[in-house]
Amino acid sequence: MPVWLTACLIGFVVGSLAEYWGHRAMHTVLLKKKHAEHHRDNDGQGWFWEFVDYVVGAGFLLPVGFIHSWEAGWGFAAGGLSYAAFAAYSHQLQHEFPELCFWMIRPCHAIHHDNHMWKTNFGIGIDVWDRVFGTYQKVPWQRPDRPFSLLRMFRIKWI
């Protein structure tokens, strides 16, 4: 496998881990007041602004791959940016149409908000890290009775 592709995959995984720990930290010390307002309003700020927040919050990680090589650096940064784009999309989708998050059995972030979970279900794009670190809490969730629509997956607030 080419170095850039390996680095890209590693960047994507590291991005998911940074998102998990960043969100978990927001429930204890990091931006706690601002994050509490987000829970109170229960609204996403739009894909673009979510993406900007992810990049600003984890931007210091993006150049890590350059320690290895130019090729690994670009690959790692691309993987991290790809995860940031995916997480921003997933966050917005879970606020608007959580049932469309077909890649998760339960939309972890939507459940996190709906059940006022302050200590569990921190995953936004994926729930793997909640399972690894023991913060996944299975709660009943009923998919809204709306037909699946591929078009609706793109009818989120983008800006």
Foldseek 3Di string as FASTA:
>chain_A
DDLLQVLLQVLQVVLQVLQLVVLLVCLPPPVVVVVVVCLVVLAAPALVVQLVVSCVSCVVVLQVLVVPPPSSSNSSNNNNSVNSSLLSLQQQCLSPAQLQLVVDPGQLVVCCSVVVPSQASSGRNDRVVRVVVVRHDDDDDDHPPDDDDPVVSPVTGHD
